């Protein structure tokens, strides 16, 4: 039913504004020289990787690691550099670039913890909570449909059929119910940043997504593991955000190829949507 109104003209400002919404955070915290170097200038560099053969022994294959893992390699190098500079006090105290700004979080985190339903007490229901949650989840479902089309565009596959969209939104709803039962602070939904990762790494396999989900479930019960990631310096995170959401913005704009830009009506809707989407938050919450 929503597809009657969710057309490419609606998808463009939705995905584009999502990418532009975090420009302030990324601009204040970003260090991304390595990101651009790896993903744009060294992406075709081949690395010899020894692999086991089926019949025994090894064979050497050459893989373009900077094509598949530019984000991960950049994070590891930048994170390690910040840790070394922190250890030698080369970074001043209080700087967000230090890896010890989280204090004793790693020491205080438990080694193993399994979440369970009602861990923070019995759920409570209120009219304000239900109305607010309904508005947030309904708007997120509308944006999810735009995410599905954008992901199909990046993966170079046909647009998803209606039954696939219904299943996707339905599964997100089930995830929100499970999140509420386990007492998390927010629901679950498709993340537009992952669309950018598909475009950057060129990996769109559902098996990869399934394995990633299983890994997150497994590592989620190890408290020390999550605490280590809390030491990720903000400048490193800002660089990742700029790179990822720049791609998200470009993906949103790429859908313009399906819009008749010779129509003054379409131009008005497009420009007005993007302008008001950026102006209203600043006017309502100065």
Protein backbone atom coordinates (compact mmCIF):
# COMPACT_ATOMS: atom_id res chain seq x y z
CA UNK A 1 0.00 0.00 0.00
CA UNK A 2 2.84 2.41 0.85
CA UNK A 3 4.43 1.85 -2.55
CA UNK A 4 1.69 4.05 -3.98
CA UNK A 5 3.44 7.06 -2.41
CA UNK A 6 7.02 5.79 -2.01
CA UNK A 7 8.41 6.46 -5.47
CA UNK A 8 11.98 7.31 -6.55
CA UNK A 9 11.07 10.96 -5.97
CA UNK A 10 10.41 10.11 -2.30
CA UNK A 11 13.40 7.80 -1.92
CA UNK A 12 15.95 10.41 -3.10
CA UNK A 13 15.43 13.00 -0.31
CA UNK A 14 14.93 10.29 2.32
CA UNK A 15 18.25 8.52 1.73
CA UNK A 16 20.10 11.74 0.88
CA UNK A 17 19.00 13.48 4.09
CA UNK A 18 20.06 10.46 6.10
CA UNK A 19 23.58 10.81 4.77
CA UNK A 20 23.65 14.58 5.30
CA UNK A 21 22.23 14.44 8.83
CA UNK A 22 25.56 13.45 10.43
CA UNK A 23 27.83 15.95 8.70
CA UNK A 24 28.40 17.96 11.89
CA UNK A 25 29.46 14.92 13.91
CA UNK A 26 31.81 13.68 11.23
CA UNK A 27 33.31 17.09 10.48
CA UNK A 28 34.20 17.67 14.14
CA UNK A 29 35.76 14.27 14.75
CA UNK A 30 37.05 12.99 11.44
CA UNK A 31 40.47 11.65 10.49
CA UNK A 32 40.10 9.92 7.16
CA UNK A 33 43.27 10.30 5.09
CA UNK A 34 43.90 6.54 5.23
CA UNK A 35 40.30 5.83 4.24
CA UNK A 36 40.61 7.81 1.02
CA UNK A 37 44.09 6.44 0.30
CA UNK A 38 43.07 2.78 0.68
CA UNK A 39 39.66 2.89 -0.99
CA UNK A 40 40.47 5.20 -3.90
CA UNK A 41 44.18 4.91 -4.72
CA UNK A 42 45.26 1.47 -3.48
CA UNK A 43 42.09 -0.48 -4.17
CA UNK A 44 43.67 -2.53 -6.97
CA UNK A 45 46.81 -3.44 -5.00
CA UNK A 46 47.10 -7.26 -4.80
CA UNK A 47 48.35 -9.02 -1.65
CA UNK A 48 49.65 -12.62 -1.66
CA UNK A 49 47.54 -14.72 0.71
CA UNK A 50 48.43 -18.41 1.43
CA UNK A 51 45.36 -20.64 1.29
CA UNK A 52 44.88 -24.35 2.04
CA UNK A 53 44.08 -26.55 -0.95
CA UNK A 54 41.37 -29.20 -0.79
CA UNK A 55 43.80 -32.04 -1.43
CA UNK A 56 46.37 -30.76 1.04
CA UNK A 57 49.16 -28.25 0.86
CA UNK A 58 49.00 -24.53 0.22
CA UNK A 59 48.49 -22.22 -2.68
CA UNK A 60 49.11 -18.50 -2.90
CA UNK A 61 46.26 -16.32 -4.10
CA UNK A 62 46.46 -12.61 -4.70
CA UNK A 63 43.58 -10.62 -3.26
CA UNK A 64 42.81 -6.87 -3.38
CA UNK A 65 42.40 -6.41 0.38
CA UNK A 66 41.95 -2.65 0.12
CA UNK A 67 38.92 -3.26 -2.10
CA UNK A 68 37.15 -5.53 0.38
CA UNK A 69 38.44 -4.25 3.74
CA UNK A 70 39.25 -0.52 3.48
CA UNK A 71 37.17 0.40 6.54
CA UNK A 72 38.47 -2.42 8.74
CA UNK A 73 42.11 -1.82 7.83
CA UNK A 74 41.77 1.92 8.38
CA UNK A 75 40.12 1.44 11.77
CA UNK A 76 42.79 -1.04 12.92
CA UNK A 77 45.69 1.21 11.87
CA UNK A 78 44.20 4.42 13.30
CA UNK A 79 43.07 2.70 16.49
CA UNK A 80 46.52 1.16 17.02
CA UNK A 81 48.21 4.50 16.40
CA UNK A 82 45.97 6.20 18.97
CA UNK A 83 46.72 3.43 21.47
CA UNK A 84 50.49 3.84 21.00
CA UNK A 85 50.31 7.64 21.33
CA UNK A 86 48.14 7.26 24.43
CA UNK A 87 50.59 4.84 26.03
CA UNK A 88 53.43 7.37 25.57
CA UNK A 89 51.22 10.33 26.63
CA UNK A 90 51.72 11.99 23.25
CA UNK A 91 48.01 12.87 23.25
CA UNK A 92 46.95 15.38 25.95
CA UNK A 93 44.68 14.29 28.77
CA UNK A 94 40.99 14.72 28.06
CA UNK A 95 41.37 14.38 24.29
CA UNK A 96 38.81 12.16 22.58
CA UNK A 97 41.65 10.69 20.53
CA UNK A 98 42.94 8.84 23.60
CA UNK A 99 42.00 5.18 24.01
CA UNK A 100 41.74 5.41 27.80
CA UNK A 101 38.94 7.99 27.88
CA UNK A 102 36.51 5.19 28.82
CA UNK A 103 38.26 4.87 32.18
CA UNK A 104 38.00 1.50 33.90
CA UNK A 105 35.26 0.24 31.60
CA UNK A 106 37.25 -2.78 30.42
CA UNK A 107 38.20 -3.78 33.98
CA UNK A 108 34.64 -3.37 35.27
CA UNK A 109 32.94 -5.21 32.39
CA UNK A 110 32.06 -8.87 33.11
CA UNK A 111 33.69 -11.58 31.05
CA UNK A 112 30.42 -13.32 30.25
CA UNK A 113 26.82 -12.14 30.48
CA UNK A 114 23.70 -13.57 28.86
CA UNK A 115 20.79 -11.13 28.45
CA UNK A 116 17.37 -12.41 29.42
CA UNK A 117 13.78 -11.13 29.20
CA UNK A 118 12.81 -8.68 31.90
CA UNK A 119 16.40 -8.12 33.04
CA UNK A 120 15.64 -4.47 33.90
CA UNK A 121 12.29 -5.21 35.52
CA UNK A 122 8.76 -5.75 34.26
CA UNK A 123 7.85 -3.77 31.13
CA UNK A 124 5.53 -0.82 31.64
CA UNK A 125 2.97 0.47 29.15
CA UNK A 126 1.75 4.06 28.86
CA UNK A 127 -0.27 5.97 26.30
CA UNK A 128 2.60 8.37 25.62
CA UNK A 129 5.05 5.50 25.21
CA UNK A 130 2.77 3.60 22.84
CA UNK A 131 2.01 6.65 20.68
CA UNK A 132 5.66 7.70 20.53
CA UNK A 133 6.83 4.18 19.72
CA UNK A 134 4.16 3.78 17.06
CA UNK A 135 5.13 7.03 15.35
CA UNK A 136 8.82 6.16 15.42
CA UNK A 137 8.37 2.60 14.17
CA UNK A 138 5.94 3.59 11.41
CA UNK A 139 8.27 6.28 10.08
CA UNK A 140 11.17 3.86 10.29
CA UNK A 141 9.19 1.31 8.27
CA UNK A 142 8.62 3.87 5.53
CA UNK A 143 12.32 4.68 5.44
CA UNK A 144 13.18 0.98 5.43
CA UNK A 145 11.38 0.58 2.12
CA UNK A 146 13.65 3.26 0.67
CA UNK A 147 16.64 1.38 2.15
CA UNK A 148 15.59 -1.83 0.41
CA UNK A 149 15.38 -0.12 -2.97
CA UNK A 150 18.71 1.65 -2.40
CA UNK A 151 20.38 -1.63 -1.45
CA UNK A 152 19.06 -3.29 -4.59
CA UNK A 153 20.39 -0.36 -6.59
CA UNK A 154 23.89 -0.73 -5.09
CA UNK A 155 23.90 -4.52 -5.50
CA UNK A 156 22.85 -4.20 -9.18
CA UNK A 157 19.82 -6.45 -8.76
CA UNK A 158 16.18 -5.83 -9.73
CA UNK A 159 14.04 -3.81 -7.31
CA UNK A 160 12.59 -5.96 -4.49
CA UNK A 161 9.07 -7.30 -5.10
CA UNK A 162 6.17 -6.40 -2.84
CA UNK A 163 6.24 -9.67 -0.87
CA UNK A 164 9.93 -9.15 -0.08
CA UNK A 165 9.24 -5.64 1.21
CA UNK A 166 6.45 -6.98 3.41
CA UNK A 167 8.71 -9.66 4.86
CA UNK A 168 11.49 -7.15 5.52
CA UNK A 169 9.24 -4.73 7.40
CA UNK A 170 7.65 -7.66 9.26
CA UNK A 171 11.00 -9.00 10.42
CA UNK A 172 12.00 -5.54 11.62
CA UNK A 173 8.79 -5.48 13.66
CA UNK A 174 9.64 -8.85 15.21
CA UNK A 175 13.09 -7.49 16.05
CA UNK A 176 11.53 -4.49 17.81
CA UNK A 177 9.30 -6.80 19.87
CA UNK A 178 12.29 -8.92 20.90
CA UNK A 179 14.27 -5.77 21.74
CA UNK A 180 11.47 -4.60 24.01
CA UNK A 181 11.25 -7.99 25.74
CA UNK A 182 14.99 -7.99 26.44
CA UNK A 183 14.88 -4.38 27.65
CA UNK A 184 17.08 -2.59 25.13
CA UNK A 185 16.82 1.18 24.88
CA UNK A 186 15.73 1.17 21.24
CA UNK A 187 14.21 -1.08 18.64
CA UNK A 188 15.95 -2.74 15.74
CA UNK A 189 15.74 -1.74 12.10
CA UNK A 190 17.68 -1.82 8.86
CA UNK A 191 20.72 0.44 8.96
CA UNK A 192 21.38 2.60 5.92
CA UNK A 193 25.11 2.65 6.65
CA UNK A 194 25.26 -1.03 5.73
CA UNK A 195 24.10 -0.12 2.23
CA UNK A 196 27.22 2.00 1.92
CA UNK A 197 29.32 -0.98 3.04
CA UNK A 198 27.82 -3.06 0.24
CA UNK A 199 28.80 -0.34 -2.22
CA UNK A 200 32.33 0.00 -0.80
CA UNK A 201 33.21 -3.68 -0.43
CA UNK A 202 31.13 -4.97 -3.37
CA UNK A 203 30.03 -7.84 -1.11
CA UNK A 204 26.27 -8.38 -1.21
CA UNK A 205 26.07 -12.05 -0.25
CA UNK A 206 23.30 -12.97 2.16
CA UNK A 207 25.61 -15.63 3.62
CA UNK A 208 28.01 -12.88 4.70
CA UNK A 209 25.17 -11.00 6.38
CA UNK A 210 24.03 -14.20 8.14
CA UNK A 211 27.55 -14.97 9.40
CA UNK A 212 27.96 -11.38 10.59
CA UNK A 213 24.70 -11.60 12.53
CA UNK A 214 25.74 -14.85 14.18
CA UNK A 215 29.11 -13.33 15.14
CA UNK A 216 27.40 -10.34 16.73
CA UNK A 217 25.11 -12.63 18.73
CA UNK A 218 28.10 -14.65 19.90
CA UNK A 219 30.35 -11.73 20.81
CA UNK A 220 27.44 -9.86 22.38
CA UNK A 221 27.55 -12.11 25.45
CA UNK A 222 31.24 -11.34 26.11
CA UNK A 223 31.32 -8.12 28.13
CA UNK A 224 35.06 -7.57 27.77
CA UNK A 225 34.76 -7.76 24.00
CA UNK A 226 32.18 -4.99 23.87
CA UNK A 227 34.14 -2.87 26.37
CA UNK A 228 37.21 -2.99 24.12
CA UNK A 229 35.21 -1.48 21.27
CA UNK A 230 34.10 1.30 23.62
CA UNK A 231 37.71 2.55 23.56
CA UNK A 232 37.45 3.36 19.84
CA UNK A 233 38.58 7.01 19.60
CA UNK A 234 35.99 9.49 18.41
CA UNK A 235 38.17 10.91 15.58
CA UNK A 236 38.46 7.39 14.13
CA UNK A 237 34.71 6.90 14.42
CA UNK A 238 34.11 10.32 12.86
CA UNK A 239 36.26 9.41 9.86
CA UNK A 240 34.27 6.23 9.35
CA UNK A 241 30.98 8.15 9.60
CA UNK A 242 32.06 10.71 7.00
CA UNK A 243 33.13 8.03 4.56
CA UNK A 244 30.12 5.77 5.04
CA UNK A 245 27.47 8.47 5.00
CA UNK A 246 29.06 10.21 2.05
CA UNK A 247 28.40 7.02 0.13
CA UNK A 248 24.86 6.89 1.52
CA UNK A 249 24.26 10.45 0.28
CA UNK A 250 25.58 9.54 -3.16
CA UNK A 251 23.39 6.43 -3.27
CA UNK A 252 20.35 8.55 -2.53
CA UNK A 253 21.24 11.02 -5.27
CA UNK A 254 21.90 8.21 -7.77
CA UNK A 255 18.19 7.37 -7.71
CA UNK A 256 17.60 10.67 -9.55
CA UNK A 257 18.23 8.78 -12.78
CA UNK A 258 14.70 7.40 -12.44
CA UNK A 259 13.16 10.86 -11.89
CA UNK A 260 12.07 13.18 -14.67
CA UNK A 261 14.15 16.25 -13.85
CA UNK A 262 12.60 18.18 -16.73
CA UNK A 263 9.38 18.43 -14.68
CA UNK A 264 9.12 21.62 -12.62
CA UNK A 265 6.82 19.75 -10.22
CA UNK A 266 9.46 17.12 -9.53
CA UNK A 267 12.14 19.76 -9.04
CA UNK A 268 9.97 21.62 -6.54
CA UNK A 269 9.18 18.47 -4.55
CA UNK A 270 12.81 17.38 -4.55
CA UNK A 271 14.28 20.74 -3.56
CA UNK A 272 11.58 21.51 -0.99
CA UNK A 273 11.94 18.08 0.68
CA UNK A 274 15.71 18.32 1.06
CA UNK A 275 15.66 21.98 2.13
CA UNK A 276 12.94 21.53 4.76
CA UNK A 277 14.49 18.28 5.95
CA UNK A 278 17.66 20.20 6.83
CA UNK A 279 15.99 23.44 7.99
CA UNK A 280 13.28 22.12 10.33
CA UNK A 281 15.56 20.31 12.82
CA UNK A 282 17.68 23.45 13.24
CA UNK A 283 14.63 25.69 13.71
CA UNK A 284 12.84 23.38 16.13
CA UNK A 285 15.87 22.42 18.23
CA UNK A 286 18.38 25.31 18.08
